[in-house]
Amino acid sequence: MPAIVSDTVVHEQKNETPVQEQPKANQGQERKPYIEFQNVHKAFGSNVVLDGVCFDVMPGETVCILGRSGVGKSVSLHQIMGFLKPDRGRIWVAYEDITDYPEHEMERIRKKVTMVFQNGALFDSLTVGENVAFPLRERGGLEEEQIFQIVDGLLEMVGVREFRDLLPSDLSTGMKRSVAIARALAAQPDAVLYDEPTTMVDPLMAHLLGDLIKKLKKQLKLTSIVVTHDMALAKKLADRLLFLYEAKAIFFGTFEQMAKCPEPIVQEFLELDSLDFEAYFGAQRPPHQPRFEAS
């Protein structure tokens, strides 16, 4: 997986089609959150999913959202993408308050922020290469040879170049997610949202996907949110963590702070994770100690 060549291809692509956006680092923009939830509420009928949730993601930062199933993790991503609207509160994305944006404005935001879905959301009738080329052709302005080179570079970066001419149905779940990540990068985003990237894949593929997301963060300086229940993945990726429980954000901070969090459900989550580690690897760890160190 020659990262230098692939990285060059992506950045050359960005130079060819500059993204028009607000002033950034040299005018203090990087000190503001790229994504922010301000007292966000969301319910579906009587089912309250988010109840006054607040958190932020700084440019280039990776935040992992943890919690049990059904606590609003994926709903948070869908609100960032504008697929769902909050009942109350404000949501900021790409330094803009998108809360009341109509669909045509959200289409502009989605050129800056993209999402990798659990199922990959690939086009079944298109080959792997054609799937990755789709956002490039949709945007226009590139010759076919340029598209071919960019697609090859992205597939090389995510380690699936040899599958370029296969259909999604020929791939494993993990490989589909790698292709979905390549397609997301083809859109030249500033931020990527990952919805349970290691769910339903074997441990080796989960490890490889974690390494890939970490490499993209370092090489491309992407802002990321990762929804996961996988503590090993969170350890590898997160600068900060958000823990959702019963519709509320009961913890938001670093790994070191999380290890000291007094909330019983957080400590139970960490202890069960430690027990899982011991069951598989025979490691002995003191109670309530997560298997990670502060980064």
Protein backbone atom coordinates (compact mmCIF):
# COMPACT_ATOMS: atom_id res chain seq x y z
CA MET A 1 0.00 0.00 0.00
CA PRO A 2 2.38 2.79 -1.20
CA ALA A 3 0.90 5.71 0.68
CA ILE A 4 3.16 8.43 -0.74
CA VAL A 5 2.09 7.87 -4.34
CA SER A 6 -1.59 7.65 -3.42
CA ASP A 7 -1.43 10.70 -1.19
CA THR A 8 0.16 12.70 -4.00
CA VAL A 9 -2.66 11.77 -6.34
CA VAL A 10 -5.30 12.97 -3.89
CA HIS A 11 -3.60 16.30 -3.24
CA GLU A 12 -2.95 16.94 -6.92
CA GLN A 13 -6.65 16.42 -7.45
CA LYS A 14 -7.40 19.00 -4.78
CA ASN A 15 -5.08 21.50 -6.44
CA GLU A 16 -6.86 21.09 -9.76
CA THR A 17 -10.27 21.96 -8.30
CA PRO A 18 -9.87 24.33 -5.34
CA VAL A 19 -12.66 24.15 -2.79
CA GLN A 20 -14.30 27.51 -2.14
CA GLU A 21 -14.79 28.01 1.58
CA GLN A 22 -14.33 30.41 4.44
CA PRO A 23 -10.88 31.68 5.50
CA LYS A 24 -9.08 29.15 7.66
CA ALA A 25 -5.98 28.78 9.78
CA ASN A 26 -4.24 32.08 9.22
CA GLN A 27 -7.40 33.91 10.28
CA GLY A 28 -8.05 31.87 13.39
CA GLN A 29 -10.59 29.50 11.86
CA GLU A 30 -8.76 26.37 12.96
CA ARG A 31 -9.35 27.40 16.58
CA LYS A 32 -13.11 27.04 16.05
CA PRO A 33 -14.91 23.69 16.00
CA TYR A 34 -15.44 22.25 12.54
CA ILE A 35 -18.51 20.39 13.84
CA GLU A 36 -20.53 21.32 16.92
CA PHE A 37 -23.73 20.18 18.62
CA GLN A 38 -25.32 22.84 20.83
CA ASN A 39 -27.99 21.45 23.18
CA VAL A 40 -29.39 19.15 20.48
CA HIS A 41 -32.69 17.32 21.07
CA LYS A 42 -34.19 14.62 18.82
CA ALA A 43 -37.15 12.30 19.36
CA PHE A 44 -39.16 9.90 17.22
CA GLY A 45 -42.61 10.03 18.73
CA SER A 46 -42.26 9.18 22.41
CA ASN A 47 -38.77 7.74 21.90
CA VAL A 48 -36.26 10.40 22.95
CA VAL A 49 -32.96 9.71 21.18
CA LEU A 50 -30.93 12.82 21.98
CA ASP A 51 -31.65 15.00 25.01
CA GLY A 52 -29.62 18.20 25.17
CA VAL A 53 -26.45 16.73 23.63
CA CYS A 54 -23.41 19.01 23.34
CA PHE A 55 -20.00 18.25 21.82
CA ASP A 56 -17.57 19.64 19.27
CA VAL A 57 -14.93 18.40 16.85
CA MET A 58 -11.93 20.56 16.05
CA PRO A 59 -10.34 20.66 12.57
CA GLY A 60 -8.16 17.58 12.06
CA GLU A 61 -9.49 15.92 15.23
CA THR A 62 -11.05 12.46 15.51
CA VAL A 63 -13.92 12.03 17.96
CA CYS A 64 -15.31 8.56 18.65
CA ILE A 65 -18.94 8.24 19.75
CA LEU A 66 -19.49 5.31 22.09
CA GLY A 67 -22.53 3.77 23.75
CA ARG A 68 -24.99 0.92 23.59
CA SER A 69 -27.17 0.25 20.56
CA GLY A 70 -30.06 2.67 20.09
CA VAL A 71 -28.64 5.60 22.04
CA GLY A 72 -28.46 8.04 19.12
CA LYS A 73 -24.94 7.46 17.80
CA SER A 74 -25.92 7.00 14.15
CA VAL A 75 -28.72 9.57 14.47
CA SER A 76 -26.04 12.13 15.34
CA LEU A 77 -24.21 11.40 12.08
CA HIS A 78 -27.41 11.64 10.07
CA GLN A 79 -28.08 15.06 11.58
CA ILE A 80 -24.60 16.25 10.65
CA MET A 81 -25.31 15.17 7.06
CA GLY A 82 -28.70 16.89 7.13
CA PHE A 83 -30.67 13.68 6.58
CA LEU A 84 -32.44 14.41 9.88
CA LYS A 85 -33.18 17.73 11.57
CA PRO A 86 -32.97 18.36 15.34
CA ASP A 87 -36.17 19.13 17.22
CA ARG A 88 -34.29 21.75 19.23
CA GLY A 89 -30.75 23.04 19.47
CA ARG A 90 -28.22 24.05 16.83
CA ILE A 91 -25.82 22.04 14.69
CA TRP A 92 -22.73 23.57 13.12
CA VAL A 93 -20.86 21.86 10.28
CA ALA A 94 -17.94 23.25 8.27
CA TYR A 95 -18.11 26.38 10.46
CA GLU A 96 -21.74 27.00 9.38
CA ASP A 97 -25.00 26.72 11.32
CA ILE A 98 -26.80 24.13 9.17
CA THR A 99 -29.79 23.65 11.48
CA ASP A 100 -32.32 25.31 9.17
CA TYR A 101 -30.54 24.75 5.86
CA PRO A 102 -32.73 23.61 2.94
CA GLU A 103 -31.64 20.65 0.83
CA HIS A 104 -29.79 22.69 -1.81
CA GLU A 105 -27.60 24.22 0.91
CA MET A 106 -26.97 20.81 2.44
CA GLU A 107 -25.79 19.55 -0.96
CA ARG A 108 -23.03 22.16 -0.76
CA ILE A 109 -22.11 21.08 2.79
CA ARG A 110 -21.98 17.42 1.72
CA LYS A 111 -19.20 18.29 -0.70
CA LYS A 112 -17.11 19.09 2.38
CA VAL A 113 -18.36 16.34 4.71
CA THR A 114 -19.04 12.79 3.57
CA MET A 115 -20.18 9.62 5.31
CA VAL A 116 -19.10 5.98 5.12
CA PHE A 117 -22.19 3.89 5.83
CA GLN A 118 -22.19 0.49 7.56
CA ASN A 119 -23.26 -1.30 4.38
CA GLY A 120 -20.87 0.72 2.18
CA ALA A 121 -23.79 2.05 0.08
CA LEU A 122 -21.99 1.05 -3.13
CA PHE A 123 -23.76 0.84 -6.48
CA ASP A 124 -24.29 -2.87 -7.07
CA SER A 125 -24.24 -2.60 -10.87
CA LEU A 126 -20.94 -0.67 -11.00
CA THR A 127 -17.48 -2.14 -10.60
CA VAL A 128 -15.25 -1.12 -7.71
CA GLY A 129 -13.38 1.31 -9.96
CA GLU A 130 -16.59 2.80 -11.35
CA ASN A 131 -17.95 3.28 -7.83
CA VAL A 132 -14.88 5.27 -6.82
CA ALA A 133 -14.96 7.22 -10.09
CA PHE A 134 -18.62 8.18 -9.64
CA PRO A 135 -18.12 11.37 -7.56
CA LEU A 136 -15.28 12.43 -9.87
CA ARG A 137 -17.46 12.15 -12.96
CA GLU A 138 -20.39 13.78 -11.18
CA ARG A 139 -18.28 16.82 -10.35
CA GLY A 140 -16.87 17.07 -13.87
CA GLY A 141 -13.79 18.90 -15.10
CA LEU A 142 -11.49 15.86 -15.35
CA GLU A 143 -10.37 13.84 -18.34
CA GLU A 144 -10.92 10.08 -18.24
CA GLU A 145 -7.18 9.46 -17.94
CA GLN A 146 -7.05 11.73 -14.90
CA ILE A 147 -10.02 9.92 -13.35
CA PHE A 148 -8.34 6.57 -14.02
CA GLN A 149 -5.14 7.68 -12.27
CA ILE A 150 -6.98 9.14 -9.27
CA VAL A 151 -9.13 6.01 -8.86
CA ASP A 152 -6.07 3.76 -9.02
CA GLY A 153 -4.28 5.93 -6.47
CA LEU A 154 -7.22 5.85 -4.06
CA LEU A 155 -7.73 2.11 -4.41
CA GLU A 156 -4.02 1.62 -3.81
CA MET A 157 -4.22 3.78 -0.72
CA VAL A 158 -6.98 1.67 0.82
CA GLY A 159 -5.40 -1.62 -0.29
CA VAL A 160 -7.96 -2.89 -2.81
CA ARG A 161 -6.49 -1.92 -6.18
CA GLU A 162 -6.49 -5.54 -7.36
CA PHE A 163 -10.30 -5.59 -7.02
CA ARG A 164 -10.79 -2.64 -9.39
CA ASP A 165 -12.84 -4.57 -11.97
CA LEU A 166 -14.94 -6.64 -9.54
CA LEU A 167 -18.52 -5.94 -8.56
CA PRO A 168 -19.40 -5.18 -4.91
CA SER A 169 -21.16 -8.55 -4.68
CA ASP A 170 -17.75 -10.21 -5.17
CA LEU A 171 -16.28 -8.50 -2.08
CA SER A 172 -16.35 -9.22 1.64
CA THR A 173 -18.00 -6.75 4.01
CA GLY A 174 -14.60 -5.38 5.03
CA MET A 175 -13.48 -4.90 1.42
CA LYS A 176 -16.73 -3.10 0.61
CA ARG A 177 -16.01 -0.66 3.44
CA SER A 178 -12.50 -0.06 2.13
CA VAL A 179 -13.98 0.75 -1.30
CA ALA A 180 -16.56 3.01 0.35
CA ILE A 181 -13.75 4.90 2.07
CA ALA A 182 -11.94 5.30 -1.29
CA ARG A 183 -15.14 6.66 -2.85
CA ALA A 184 -15.60 9.05 0.07
CA LEU A 185 -12.06 10.38 -0.45
CA ALA A 186 -12.73 10.87 -4.17
CA ALA A 187 -15.24 13.56 -3.17
CA GLN A 188 -12.30 15.57 -1.69
CA PRO A 189 -13.91 16.05 1.74
CA ASP A 190 -12.60 18.02 4.67
CA ALA A 191 -14.32 15.61 7.07
CA VAL A 192 -15.42 11.97 7.02
CA LEU A 193 -18.06 10.34 9.23
CA TYR A 194 -17.71 6.59 9.84
CA ASP A 195 -20.75 4.61 11.01
CA GLU A 196 -19.59 1.44 12.82
CA PRO A 197 -16.70 0.71 10.41
CA THR A 198 -15.68 -2.55 12.15
CA THR A 199 -19.14 -4.04 12.69
CA MET A 200 -19.67 -7.48 11.12
CA VAL A 201 -16.05 -7.93 10.03
CA ASP A 202 -13.46 -10.38 11.32
CA PRO A 203 -10.82 -9.18 13.85
CA LEU A 204 -8.06 -8.99 11.23
CA MET A 205 -10.15 -6.84 8.90
CA ALA A 206 -11.22 -4.67 11.85
CA HIS A 207 -7.55 -4.10 12.64
CA LEU A 208 -6.77 -3.24 9.00
CA LEU A 209 -9.70 -0.82 8.74
CA GLY A 210 -8.58 0.89 11.94
CA ASP A 211 -5.06 1.26 10.57
CA LEU A 212 -6.44 2.67 7.31
CA ILE A 213 -8.60 5.29 9.02
CA LYS A 214 -5.66 6.27 11.24
CA LYS A 215 -3.37 6.61 8.21
CA LEU A 216 -5.88 8.82 6.40
CA LYS A 217 -6.13 11.04 9.44
CA LYS A 218 -2.36 11.53 9.54
CA GLN A 219 -1.75 11.88 5.81
CA LEU A 220 -4.76 13.93 4.76
CA LYS A 221 -5.41 15.79 8.06
CA LEU A 222 -9.09 14.83 7.88
CA THR A 223 -11.58 15.77 10.55
CA SER A 224 -13.42 12.59 11.57
CA ILE A 225 -16.24 11.24 13.69
CA VAL A 226 -16.29 7.49 14.26
CA VAL A 227 -19.38 5.81 15.70
CA THR A 228 -18.28 2.53 17.26
CA HIS A 229 -18.63 0.06 20.11
CA ASP A 230 -15.11 -1.24 19.41
CA MET A 231 -12.82 0.00 22.19
CA ALA A 232 -9.69 -1.21 20.39
CA LEU A 233 -10.67 0.96 17.42
CA ALA A 234 -11.42 3.91 19.70
CA LYS A 235 -8.02 3.51 21.35
CA LYS A 236 -6.34 3.60 17.96
CA LEU A 237 -8.20 6.60 16.55
CA ALA A 238 -9.78 8.91 19.12
CA ASP A 239 -8.44 12.25 20.28
CA ARG A 240 -11.59 12.57 22.39
CA LEU A 241 -14.61 10.38 23.10
CA LEU A 242 -18.30 11.07 23.52
CA PHE A 243 -20.31 8.54 25.57
CA LEU A 244 -24.07 8.53 25.02
CA TYR A 245 -26.41 6.92 27.53
CA GLU A 246 -30.19 7.22 27.79
CA ALA A 247 -30.21 10.02 25.21
CA LYS A 248 -27.67 12.13 27.10
CA ALA A 249 -23.97 12.83 26.65
CA ILE A 250 -22.72 11.65 30.03
CA PHE A 251 -19.02 11.93 29.15
CA PHE A 252 -16.95 13.92 26.66
CA GLY A 253 -13.17 14.02 26.94
CA THR A 254 -9.91 12.14 26.51
CA PHE A 255 -9.12 8.49 27.27
CA GLU A 256 -7.31 9.49 30.43
CA GLN A 257 -10.34 11.42 31.65
CA MET A 258 -12.67 8.58 30.70
CA ALA A 259 -10.72 6.11 32.84
CA LYS A 260 -11.44 8.39 35.82
CA CYS A 261 -15.07 9.11 34.95
CA PRO A 262 -17.33 8.40 37.97
CA GLU A 263 -20.37 7.43 35.86
CA PRO A 264 -21.16 3.75 36.67
CA ILE A 265 -22.22 2.91 33.11
CA VAL A 266 -18.92 4.25 31.72
CA GLN A 267 -16.90 2.22 34.21
CA GLU A 268 -19.05 -0.85 33.45
CA PHE A 269 -18.37 -0.36 29.76
CA LEU A 270 -14.62 -0.15 30.38
CA GLU A 271 -14.60 -3.10 32.79
CA LEU A 272 -16.49 -5.34 30.36
CA ASP A 273 -14.02 -4.35 27.68
CA SER A 274 -11.16 -5.32 29.98
CA LEU A 275 -12.84 -8.65 30.76
CA ASP A 276 -13.22 -9.35 27.06
CA PHE A 277 -9.51 -8.72 26.64
CA GLU A 278 -8.68 -11.12 29.46
CA ALA A 279 -10.97 -13.81 28.07
CA TYR A 280 -9.19 -13.78 24.72
CA PHE A 281 -5.63 -12.99 25.72
CA GLY A 282 -5.31 -13.98 29.38
CA ALA A 283 -4.16 -10.52 30.41
CA GLN A 284 -4.63 -9.51 34.04
CA ARG A 285 -5.69 -5.93 34.55
CA PRO A 286 -6.93 -4.08 37.64
CA PRO A 287 -10.66 -3.30 37.88
CA HIS A 288 -12.07 -0.44 35.81
CA GLN A 289 -8.89 0.02 33.80
CA PRO A 290 -9.46 0.39 30.04
CA ARG A 291 -6.98 -1.28 27.73
CA PHE A 292 -5.52 1.91 26.41
CA GLU A 293 -3.29 4.76 27.48
CA ALA A 294 -3.90 8.45 27.11
CA SER A 295 -2.56 9.74 23.82
